[in-house]
C-alpha atoms as a PDB file:
ATOM      1  CA  MET A   1       5.458  17.676  20.042  1.00  0.00           C
ATOM      2  CA  GLN A   2       1.497  16.070  20.000  1.00  0.00           C
ATOM      3  CA  LEU A   3      -0.944  15.313  16.923  1.00  0.00           C
ATOM      4  CA  GLN A   4      -3.458  17.777  17.564  1.00  0.00           C
ATOM      5  CA  LEU A   5      -6.397  15.675  16.786  1.00  0.00           C
ATOM      6  CA  THR A   6     -10.754  16.478  16.621  1.00  0.00           C
ATOM      7  CA  LYS A   7     -10.855  12.651  16.252  1.00  0.00           C
ATOM      8  CA  PRO A   8      -9.195   9.673  16.930  1.00  0.00           C
ATOM      9  CA  ILE A   9      -6.245   8.902  14.099  1.00  0.00           C
ATOM     10  CA  CYS A  10      -5.369   4.932  12.775  1.00  0.00           C
ATOM     11  CA  PHE A  11      -2.112   4.307  11.582  1.00  0.00           C
ATOM     12  CA  PHE A  12      -1.683   1.589   9.499  1.00  0.00           C
ATOM     13  CA  ASP A  13       0.367  -0.855   8.055  1.00  0.00           C
ATOM     14  CA  LEU A  14      -0.187  -4.131   5.545  1.00  0.00           C
ATOM     15  CA  GLU A  15       2.065  -6.772   4.342  1.00  0.00           C
ATOM     16  CA  THR A  16       0.596  -8.559   1.291  1.00  0.00           C
ATOM     17  CA  THR A  17       0.792 -11.047  -1.069  1.00  0.00           C
ATOM     18  CA  GLY A  18       2.347  -8.660  -3.511  1.00  0.00           C
ATOM     19  CA  THR A  19       1.139  -5.151  -4.948  1.00  0.00           C
ATOM     20  CA  ASN A  20      -1.744  -5.470  -7.531  1.00  0.00           C
ATOM     21  CA  VAL A  21      -4.478  -3.702  -5.279  1.00  0.00           C
ATOM     22  CA  VAL A  22      -7.167  -5.672  -6.935  1.00  0.00           C
ATOM     23  CA  LYS A  23      -5.808  -9.244  -6.959  1.00  0.00           C
ATOM     24  CA  ASP A  24      -3.528  -8.975  -4.304  1.00  0.00           C
ATOM     25  CA  ARG A  25      -4.263  -9.986  -0.485  1.00  0.00           C
ATOM     26  CA  ILE A  26      -3.457  -8.780   3.203  1.00  0.00           C
ATOM     27  CA  VAL A  27      -1.412 -10.945   5.235  1.00  0.00           C
ATOM     28  CA  GLU A  28      -0.886  -9.074   8.086  1.00  0.00           C
ATOM     29  CA  ILE A  29      -2.197  -5.990   9.525  1.00  0.00           C
ATOM     30  CA  SER A  30      -1.460  -3.760  12.256  1.00  0.00           C
ATOM     31  CA  ILE A  31      -3.157  -0.524  14.008  1.00  0.00           C
ATOM     32  CA  LEU A  32      -2.033   1.837  15.740  1.00  0.00           C
ATOM     33  CA  LYS A  33      -4.984   4.222  16.863  1.00  0.00           C
ATOM     34  CA  VAL A  34      -3.990   7.565  18.530  1.00  0.00           C
ATOM     35  CA  TYR A  35      -7.243   9.376  20.694  1.00  0.00           C
ATOM     36  CA  PRO A  36      -7.640  12.872  20.829  1.00  0.00           C
ATOM     37  CA  ASN A  37      -6.476  13.009  24.525  1.00  0.00           C
ATOM     38  CA  GLY A  38      -3.312  10.679  23.478  1.00  0.00           C
ATOM     39  CA  ASN A  39      -4.365   7.487  24.487  1.00  0.00           C
ATOM     40  CA  LYS A  40      -3.235   4.892  22.121  1.00  0.00           C
ATOM     41  CA  GLU A  41      -4.233   1.355  21.145  1.00  0.00           C
ATOM     42  CA  SER A  42      -2.482  -1.453  19.318  1.00  0.00           C
ATOM     43  CA  ARG A  43      -3.784  -4.278  17.650  1.00  0.00           C
ATOM     44  CA  THR A  44      -1.944  -6.798  14.918  1.00  0.00           C
ATOM     45  CA  TRP A  45      -3.503  -9.702  12.778  1.00  0.00           C
ATOM     46  CA  LEU A  46      -2.176 -12.427  10.940  1.00  0.00           C
ATOM     47  CA  VAL A  47      -4.415 -13.202   8.014  1.00  0.00           C
ATOM     48  CA  ASN A  48      -4.636 -15.702   5.824  1.00  0.00           C
ATOM     49  CA  PRO A  49      -4.643 -14.580   2.556  1.00  0.00           C
ATOM     50  CA  GLU A  50      -6.612 -17.850   0.547  1.00  0.00           C
ATOM     51  CA  MET A  51      -4.262 -18.086  -1.894  1.00  0.00           C
ATOM     52  CA  PRO A  52      -0.405 -18.717  -2.137  1.00  0.00           C
ATOM     53  CA  ILE A  53       2.198 -16.087  -0.839  1.00  0.00           C
ATOM     54  CA  PRO A  54       5.062 -15.806  -3.767  1.00  0.00           C
ATOM     55  CA  PRO A  55       8.549 -16.417  -2.381  1.00  0.00           C
ATOM     56  CA  GLU A  56       9.116 -13.015  -3.568  1.00  0.00           C
ATOM     57  CA  SER A  57       6.463 -11.344  -1.412  1.00  0.00           C
ATOM     58  CA  GLU A  58       7.876 -13.520   1.718  1.00  0.00           C
ATOM     59  CA  ALA A  59      11.267 -12.612   1.381  1.00  0.00           C
ATOM     60  CA  VAL A  60      10.237  -9.132   2.200  1.00  0.00           C
ATOM     61  CA  HIS A  61       7.957  -9.621   4.944  1.00  0.00           C
ATOM     62  CA  GLY A  62       8.837 -13.356   6.590  1.00  0.00           C
ATOM     63  CA  ILE A  63       5.203 -14.362   7.034  1.00  0.00           C
ATOM     64  CA  SER A  64       4.884 -17.827   5.057  1.00  0.00           C
ATOM     65  CA  ASP A  65       1.572 -20.085   3.776  1.00  0.00           C
ATOM     66  CA  GLU A  66       2.395 -22.292   6.883  1.00  0.00           C
ATOM     67  CA  LYS A  67       2.586 -19.169   9.131  1.00  0.00           C
ATOM     68  CA  VAL A  68      -0.916 -18.375   8.114  1.00  0.00           C
ATOM     69  CA  ALA A  69      -2.387 -21.431   7.601  1.00  0.00           C
ATOM     70  CA  ASN A  70      -4.615 -21.178  10.230  1.00  0.00           C
ATOM     71  CA  GLU A  71      -5.022 -17.402  11.298  1.00  0.00           C
ATOM     72  CA  PRO A  72      -8.310 -16.256  10.143  1.00  0.00           C
ATOM     73  CA  THR A  73      -9.342 -14.877   6.915  1.00  0.00           C
ATOM     74  CA  PHE A  74      -9.756 -11.032   6.112  1.00  0.00           C
ATOM     75  CA  LYS A  75     -13.724 -11.392   6.225  1.00  0.00           C
ATOM     76  CA  GLN A  76     -13.649 -13.382   9.083  1.00  0.00           C
ATOM     77  CA  LEU A  77     -11.834 -10.036  10.538  1.00  0.00           C
ATOM     78  CA  SER A  78     -13.295  -7.791   8.604  1.00  0.00           C
ATOM     79  CA  LYS A  79     -15.940  -6.470  11.140  1.00  0.00           C
ATOM     80  CA  GLU A  80     -13.496  -6.313  14.245  1.00  0.00           C
ATOM     81  CA  ILE A  81     -11.304  -4.316  12.019  1.00  0.00           C
ATOM     82  CA  TYR A  82     -13.590  -1.930  10.901  1.00  0.00           C
ATOM     83  CA  LYS A  83     -15.167  -1.582  14.172  1.00  0.00           C
ATOM     84  CA  MET A  84     -11.717  -0.204  15.443  1.00  0.00           C
ATOM     85  CA  ILE A  85     -11.308   2.296  12.519  1.00  0.00           C
ATOM     86  CA  LYS A  86     -15.010   3.663  11.393  1.00  0.00           C
ATOM     87  CA  ASP A  87     -14.253   6.586  13.670  1.00  0.00           C
ATOM     88  CA  SER A  88     -10.718   7.582  12.649  1.00  0.00           C
ATOM     89  CA  ASP A  89      -8.896   9.137  10.142  1.00  0.00           C
ATOM     90  CA  LEU A  90      -6.577   7.271   8.555  1.00  0.00           C
ATOM     91  CA  ALA A  91      -2.242   7.943   8.724  1.00  0.00           C
ATOM     92  CA  GLY A  92       0.338   5.192   6.862  1.00  0.00           C
ATOM     93  CA  PHE A  93       3.596   5.348   4.730  1.00  0.00           C
ATOM     94  CA  ASN A  94       2.479   4.755   1.106  1.00  0.00           C
ATOM     95  CA  SER A  95      -0.716   4.371   2.193  1.00  0.00           C
ATOM     96  CA  ASP A  96      -2.686   6.786  -0.043  1.00  0.00           C
ATOM     97  CA  ARG A  97      -1.433   4.950  -3.134  1.00  0.00           C
ATOM     98  CA  PHE A  98      -1.226   1.194  -1.843  1.00  0.00           C
ATOM     99  CA  ASP A  99      -2.494   0.242   2.112  1.00  0.00           C
ATOM    100  CA  ILE A 100      -5.888   2.114   1.814  1.00  0.00           C
ATOM    101  CA  PRO A 101      -6.510   1.111  -1.558  1.00  0.00           C
ATOM    102  CA  LEU A 102      -6.243  -2.217  -0.772  1.00  0.00           C
ATOM    103  CA  LEU A 103      -7.539  -2.279   2.385  1.00  0.00           C
ATOM    104  CA  VAL A 104     -10.683  -0.810   0.926  1.00  0.00           C
ATOM    105  CA  GLU A 105     -10.910  -3.554  -2.078  1.00  0.00           C
ATOM    106  CA  GLU A 106     -10.741  -6.108   0.668  1.00  0.00           C
ATOM    107  CA  MET A 107     -13.339  -4.765   3.275  1.00  0.00           C
ATOM    108  CA  LEU A 108     -15.872  -4.261   0.038  1.00  0.00           C
ATOM    109  CA  ARG A 109     -14.820  -8.136  -0.806  1.00  0.00           C
ATOM    110  CA  ALA A 110     -16.008  -8.738   2.324  1.00  0.00           C
ATOM    111  CA  ASP A 111     -19.248  -6.977   2.375  1.00  0.00           C
ATOM    112  CA  VAL A 112     -18.251  -4.275   4.494  1.00  0.00           C
ATOM    113  CA  ASP A 113     -19.618  -0.837   3.059  1.00  0.00           C
ATOM    114  CA  PHE A 114     -16.489   0.631   3.513  1.00  0.00           C
ATOM    115  CA  ASP A 115     -16.314   4.505   2.608  1.00  0.00           C
ATOM    116  CA  MET A 116     -13.714   7.315   3.276  1.00  0.00           C
ATOM    117  CA  LYS A 117     -16.831  10.234   2.756  1.00  0.00           C
ATOM    118  CA  ASN A 118     -16.233  11.330   6.538  1.00  0.00           C
ATOM    119  CA  MET A 119     -12.394  10.190   6.668  1.00  0.00           C
ATOM    120  CA  VAL A 120      -9.101  12.050   5.424  1.00  0.00           C
ATOM    121  CA  SER A 121      -5.926  10.550   5.275  1.00  0.00           C
ATOM    122  CA  VAL A 122      -2.685  11.727   6.156  1.00  0.00           C
ATOM    123  CA  ASP A 123       0.626  10.016   3.966  1.00  0.00           C
ATOM    124  CA  VAL A 124       3.571  10.357   5.993  1.00  0.00           C
ATOM    125  CA  GLN A 125       5.577   9.183   2.524  1.00  0.00           C
ATOM    126  CA  THR A 126       4.485  12.062   0.860  1.00  0.00           C
ATOM    127  CA  ILE A 127       5.668  14.395   3.620  1.00  0.00           C
ATOM    128  CA  PHE A 128       9.024  12.747   3.881  1.00  0.00           C
ATOM    129  CA  HIS A 129       9.478  12.614  -0.094  1.00  0.00           C
ATOM    130  CA  LYS A 130       8.659  15.819  -0.198  1.00  0.00           C
ATOM    131  CA  MET A 131      10.811  16.936   2.455  1.00  0.00           C
ATOM    132  CA  GLU A 132      13.737  14.612   2.513  1.00  0.00           C
ATOM    133  CA  LYS A 133      12.911  11.840  -0.463  1.00  0.00           C
ATOM    134  CA  ARG A 134      14.052   8.252   1.270  1.00  0.00           C
ATOM    135  CA  THR A 135      12.944   5.516   2.426  1.00  0.00           C
ATOM    136  CA  LEU A 136      11.011   4.779   5.839  1.00  0.00           C
ATOM    137  CA  GLU A 137      14.530   3.059   7.688  1.00  0.00           C
ATOM    138  CA  ALA A 138      16.010   6.747   6.352  1.00  0.00           C
ATOM    139  CA  ALA A 139      12.745   8.644   7.494  1.00  0.00           C
ATOM    140  CA  TYR A 140      13.228   6.676  10.915  1.00  0.00           C
ATOM    141  CA  GLN A 141      16.856   7.302  11.085  1.00  0.00           C
ATOM    142  CA  PHE A 142      16.705  10.969   9.918  1.00  0.00           C
ATOM    143  CA  TYR A 143      13.784  11.994  12.307  1.00  0.00           C
ATOM    144  CA  CYS A 144      13.780   9.935  15.025  1.00  0.00           C
ATOM    145  CA  GLU A 145      17.895   9.091  15.047  1.00  0.00           C
ATOM    146  CA  LYS A 146      16.981   5.499  15.771  1.00  0.00           C
ATOM    147  CA  SER A 147      17.274   2.640  13.374  1.00  0.00           C
ATOM    148  CA  LEU A 148      14.280   0.271  12.463  1.00  0.00           C
ATOM    149  CA  GLU A 149      14.569  -2.784  13.869  1.00  0.00           C
ATOM    150  CA  ASP A 150      12.367  -5.422  12.215  1.00  0.00           C
ATOM    151  CA  ALA A 151      11.384  -3.812   8.819  1.00  0.00           C
ATOM    152  CA  HIS A 152       8.880  -5.001   7.030  1.00  0.00           C
ATOM    153  CA  SER A 153       7.088  -6.549   9.885  1.00  0.00           C
ATOM    154  CA  ALA A 154       3.406  -4.351  10.007  1.00  0.00           C
ATOM    155  CA  GLU A 155       4.024  -3.472  13.779  1.00  0.00           C
ATOM    156  CA  ALA A 156       7.022  -2.071  13.336  1.00  0.00           C
ATOM    157  CA  ASP A 157       6.358  -0.416  10.518  1.00  0.00           C
ATOM    158  CA  THR A 158       3.295   0.764  11.847  1.00  0.00           C
ATOM    159  CA  LEU A 159       4.812   2.333  14.799  1.00  0.00           C
ATOM    160  CA  ALA A 160       7.784   3.823  13.299  1.00  0.00           C
ATOM    161  CA  THR A 161       5.529   5.730  10.914  1.00  0.00           C
ATOM    162  CA  TYR A 162       3.740   7.447  13.914  1.00  0.00           C
ATOM    163  CA  GLU A 163       7.397   8.300  15.171  1.00  0.00           C
ATOM    164  CA  VAL A 164       8.177   9.940  11.752  1.00  0.00           C
ATOM    165  CA  LEU A 165       5.236  11.926  11.717  1.00  0.00           C
ATOM    166  CA  LEU A 166       5.680  13.514  15.355  1.00  0.00           C
ATOM    167  CA  ALA A 167       9.083  14.223  14.230  1.00  0.00           C
ATOM    168  CA  GLN A 168       8.204  16.010  11.335  1.00  0.00           C
ATOM    169  CA  LEU A 169       5.931  18.046  12.666  1.00  0.00           C
ATOM    170  CA  ASP A 170       8.915  19.219  15.106  1.00  0.00           C
ATOM    171  CA  ARG A 171      11.268  19.322  12.372  1.00  0.00           C
ATOM    172  CA  TYR A 172       9.152  21.658   9.822  1.00  0.00           C
ATOM    173  CA  PRO A 173       7.083  24.278  11.129  1.00  0.00           C
ATOM    174  CA  GLU A 174       5.401  25.151   8.364  1.00  0.00           C
ATOM    175  CA  LEU A 175       3.607  21.837   8.676  1.00  0.00           C
ATOM    176  CA  GLU A 176       0.171  22.594  10.458  1.00  0.00           C
ATOM    177  CA  ASN A 177      -0.613  20.495  13.576  1.00  0.00           C
ATOM    178  CA  ASN A 178      -3.836  19.498  11.728  1.00  0.00           C
ATOM    179  CA  VAL A 179      -5.089  16.211   9.998  1.00  0.00           C
ATOM    180  CA  LYS A 180      -7.247  17.956   7.549  1.00  0.00           C
ATOM    181  CA  LYS A 181      -4.145  20.813   6.842  1.00  0.00           C
ATOM    182  CA  LEU A 182      -1.633  16.974   6.917  1.00  0.00           C
ATOM    183  CA  SER A 183      -4.544  15.406   4.865  1.00  0.00           C
ATOM    184  CA  GLU A 184      -3.914  18.232   2.238  1.00  0.00           C
ATOM    185  CA  PHE A 185      -0.675  18.496   2.267  1.00  0.00           C
ATOM    186  CA  THR A 186       0.095  15.000   1.194  1.00  0.00           C
ATOM    187  CA  THR A 187      -2.504  14.403  -1.077  1.00  0.00           C
ATOM    188  CA  ARG A 188      -0.586  13.882  -4.453  1.00  0.00           C
ATOM    189  CA  LYS A 189      -3.743  14.822  -7.136  1.00  0.00           C
ATOM    190  CA  GLN A 190      -7.682  14.811  -6.632  1.00  0.00           C
ATOM    191  CA  SER A 191      -9.439  12.099  -7.340  1.00  0.00           C
ATOM    192  CA  LEU A 192     -12.369  10.427  -5.926  1.00  0.00           C
ATOM    193  CA  ASP A 193     -11.357   7.089  -5.864  1.00  0.00           C
ATOM    194  CA  PHE A 194      -8.101   5.724  -4.659  1.00  0.00           C
ATOM    195  CA  ALA A 195      -6.674   4.045  -8.061  1.00  0.00           C
ATOM    196  CA  GLY A 196      -6.627   7.496  -9.322  1.00  0.00           C
ATOM    197  CA  PHE A 197      -9.302   6.135 -12.643  1.00  0.00           C
ATOM    198  CA  ILE A 198     -11.830   8.792 -11.531  1.00  0.00           C
ATOM    199  CA  GLY A 199     -10.328  12.667 -11.034  1.00  0.00           C
ATOM    200  CA  ILE A 200     -12.194  15.660 -10.905  1.00  0.00           C
ATOM    201  CA  ASP A 201     -12.178  18.736 -12.892  1.00  0.00           C
ATOM    202  CA  GLU A 202     -11.413  22.933 -12.438  1.00  0.00           C
ATOM    203  CA  ASN A 203     -15.670  22.853 -12.156  1.00  0.00           C
ATOM    204  CA  ASP A 204     -15.446  20.076  -9.386  1.00  0.00           C
ATOM    205  CA  GLN A 205     -17.151  17.624 -12.073  1.00  0.00           C
ATOM    206  CA  PRO A 206     -16.259  14.103 -12.280  1.00  0.00           C
ATOM    207  CA  ILE A 207     -14.159  12.915 -15.296  1.00  0.00           C
ATOM    208  CA  PHE A 208     -11.993   9.965 -16.234  1.00  0.00           C
ATOM    209  CA  ALA A 209      -8.573  10.136 -15.938  1.00  0.00           C
ATOM    210  CA  PHE A 210      -7.256   7.387 -18.363  1.00  0.00           C
ATOM    211  CA  GLY A 211      -8.063   5.698 -21.351  1.00  0.00           C
ATOM    212  CA  LYS A 212      -9.266   7.007 -24.737  1.00  0.00           C
ATOM    213  CA  HIS A 213     -12.364   8.821 -23.104  1.00  0.00           C
ATOM    214  CA  LYS A 214      -9.461  10.459 -20.615  1.00  0.00           C
ATOM    215  CA  GLY A 215     -10.438  14.353 -19.827  1.00  0.00           C
ATOM    216  CA  LYS A 216     -14.028  13.617 -20.847  1.00  0.00           C
ATOM    217  CA  THR A 217     -17.001  13.954 -17.703  1.00  0.00           C
ATOM    218  CA  VAL A 218     -18.466  10.979 -16.807  1.00  0.00           C
ATOM    219  CA  ASP A 219     -21.849  12.088 -16.957  1.00  0.00           C
ATOM    220  CA  GLU A 220     -21.436  12.926 -20.772  1.00  0.00           C
ATOM    221  CA  ILE A 221     -19.923   9.623 -21.357  1.00  0.00           C
ATOM    222  CA  MET A 222     -23.422   7.975 -20.074  1.00  0.00           C
ATOM    223  CA  GLU A 223     -25.008   9.949 -22.381  1.00  0.00           C
ATOM    224  CA  THR A 224     -23.175   9.302 -25.584  1.00  0.00           C
ATOM    225  CA  GLU A 225     -21.871   6.095 -24.897  1.00  0.00           C
ATOM    226  CA  PRO A 226     -24.588   4.117 -22.080  1.00  0.00           C
ATOM    227  CA  GLY A 227     -22.399   0.653 -22.950  1.00  0.00           C
ATOM    228  CA  TYR A 228     -19.071   2.110 -21.620  1.00  0.00           C
ATOM    229  CA  PHE A 229     -20.395   1.771 -18.025  1.00  0.00           C
ATOM    230  CA  GLY A 230     -20.989  -1.783 -18.224  1.00  0.00           C
ATOM    231  CA  TRP A 231     -17.981  -2.758 -19.723  1.00  0.00           C
ATOM    232  CA  LEU A 232     -16.315  -0.899 -16.502  1.00  0.00           C
ATOM    233  CA  LEU A 233     -18.327  -2.438 -14.497  1.00  0.00           C
ATOM    234  CA  ASN A 234     -17.416  -5.827 -15.721  1.00  0.00           C
ATOM    235  CA  ALA A 235     -13.238  -5.327 -16.796  1.00  0.00           C
ATOM    236  CA  ASP A 236     -10.677  -5.788 -14.311  1.00  0.00           C
ATOM    237  CA  PHE A 237     -11.051  -2.645 -12.098  1.00  0.00           C
ATOM    238  CA  PRO A 238     -11.232  -1.726  -8.297  1.00  0.00           C
ATOM    239  CA  LEU A 239     -14.371  -2.342  -6.532  1.00  0.00           C
ATOM    240  CA  TYR A 240     -14.240   1.364  -4.875  1.00  0.00           C
ATOM    241  CA  THR A 241     -13.577   2.871  -8.572  1.00  0.00           C
ATOM    242  CA  LYS A 242     -16.765   0.806  -9.133  1.00  0.00           C
ATOM    243  CA  LYS A 243     -18.327   1.795  -6.467  1.00  0.00           C
ATOM    244  CA  VAL A 244     -17.902   5.596  -6.898  1.00  0.00           C
ATOM    245  CA  LEU A 245     -19.238   5.197 -10.781  1.00  0.00           C
ATOM    246  CA  THR A 246     -22.453   3.394  -9.255  1.00  0.00           C
ATOM    247  CA  GLN A 247     -22.722   6.279  -6.944  1.00  0.00           C
ATOM    248  CA  ILE A 248     -22.580   8.829  -9.585  1.00  0.00           C
ATOM    249  CA  LYS A 249     -24.638   7.078 -12.214  1.00  0.00           C
ATOM    250  CA  LEU A 250     -27.359   7.064  -9.385  1.00  0.00           C
ATOM    251  CA  SER A 251     -27.166  10.546  -8.148  1.00  0.00           C
ATOM    252  CA  LYS A 252     -27.598  11.031 -11.890  1.00  0.00           C
ATOM    253  CA  LEU A 253     -30.770   9.032 -12.152  1.00  0.00           C
ATOM    254  CA  ASN A 254     -32.214  10.651  -8.722  1.00  0.00           C
ATOM    255  CA  ASN A 255     -31.605  14.015 -10.401  1.00  0.00           C
ATOM    256  CA  LYS A 256     -33.316  13.281 -13.119  1.00  0.00           C
ATOM    257  CA  LEU A 257     -36.494  11.845 -11.358  1.00  0.00           C
ATOM    258  CA  SER A 258     -36.785  14.725  -9.132  1.00  0.00           C
END
């Protein structure tokens, strides 16, 4: 089975200082870029996170402060990484809930205006959980009949994720070999930001999906409680969530002026 592609797709995996999308940082990133003609390109970078790596995180991926002390920061690597992925769709294992949101945060912190408007994403973990409900190691054993060596190294996990998706397409004829269809299948819920703070209602209007205004449209709250927008921009929310809210506000202002 080969992926049917109309544009490249980048499988990627991150090793990090922790699991907080806002506060934690990348210490390793590996990208496997697959082209429509079947060609592949792979890159792996160690990253200096500019913060201590907690012992519990080092115990998972084996990357210490000393190992990354002389490596480039994400900001120094950001343009090179962005150049590799900007023309592609994205795929990973648990990528919709963690890897993509954290990657976007790092890009925005590095002043790269990263946006997913022209990309779709395929979360291979969601296909696996909907079909089998297990871990990456179990998925690799189940679908590929191989043991995953060097689990929790970004490069091994990235390659395994790609191989698992190909095996899933072979196993499940009901899965359509089309990146957009796979993205729709792996999308858990509709939201405008990765963190799920800004949802979409039945009328395709942006709504708050949290807090005291949960279920209310963003437009309504901007009209009745304009100070809430300012509070959100200064609070500890992901940068991409703030970017989406700013875009909604600017769009509303432009509509009023036109």
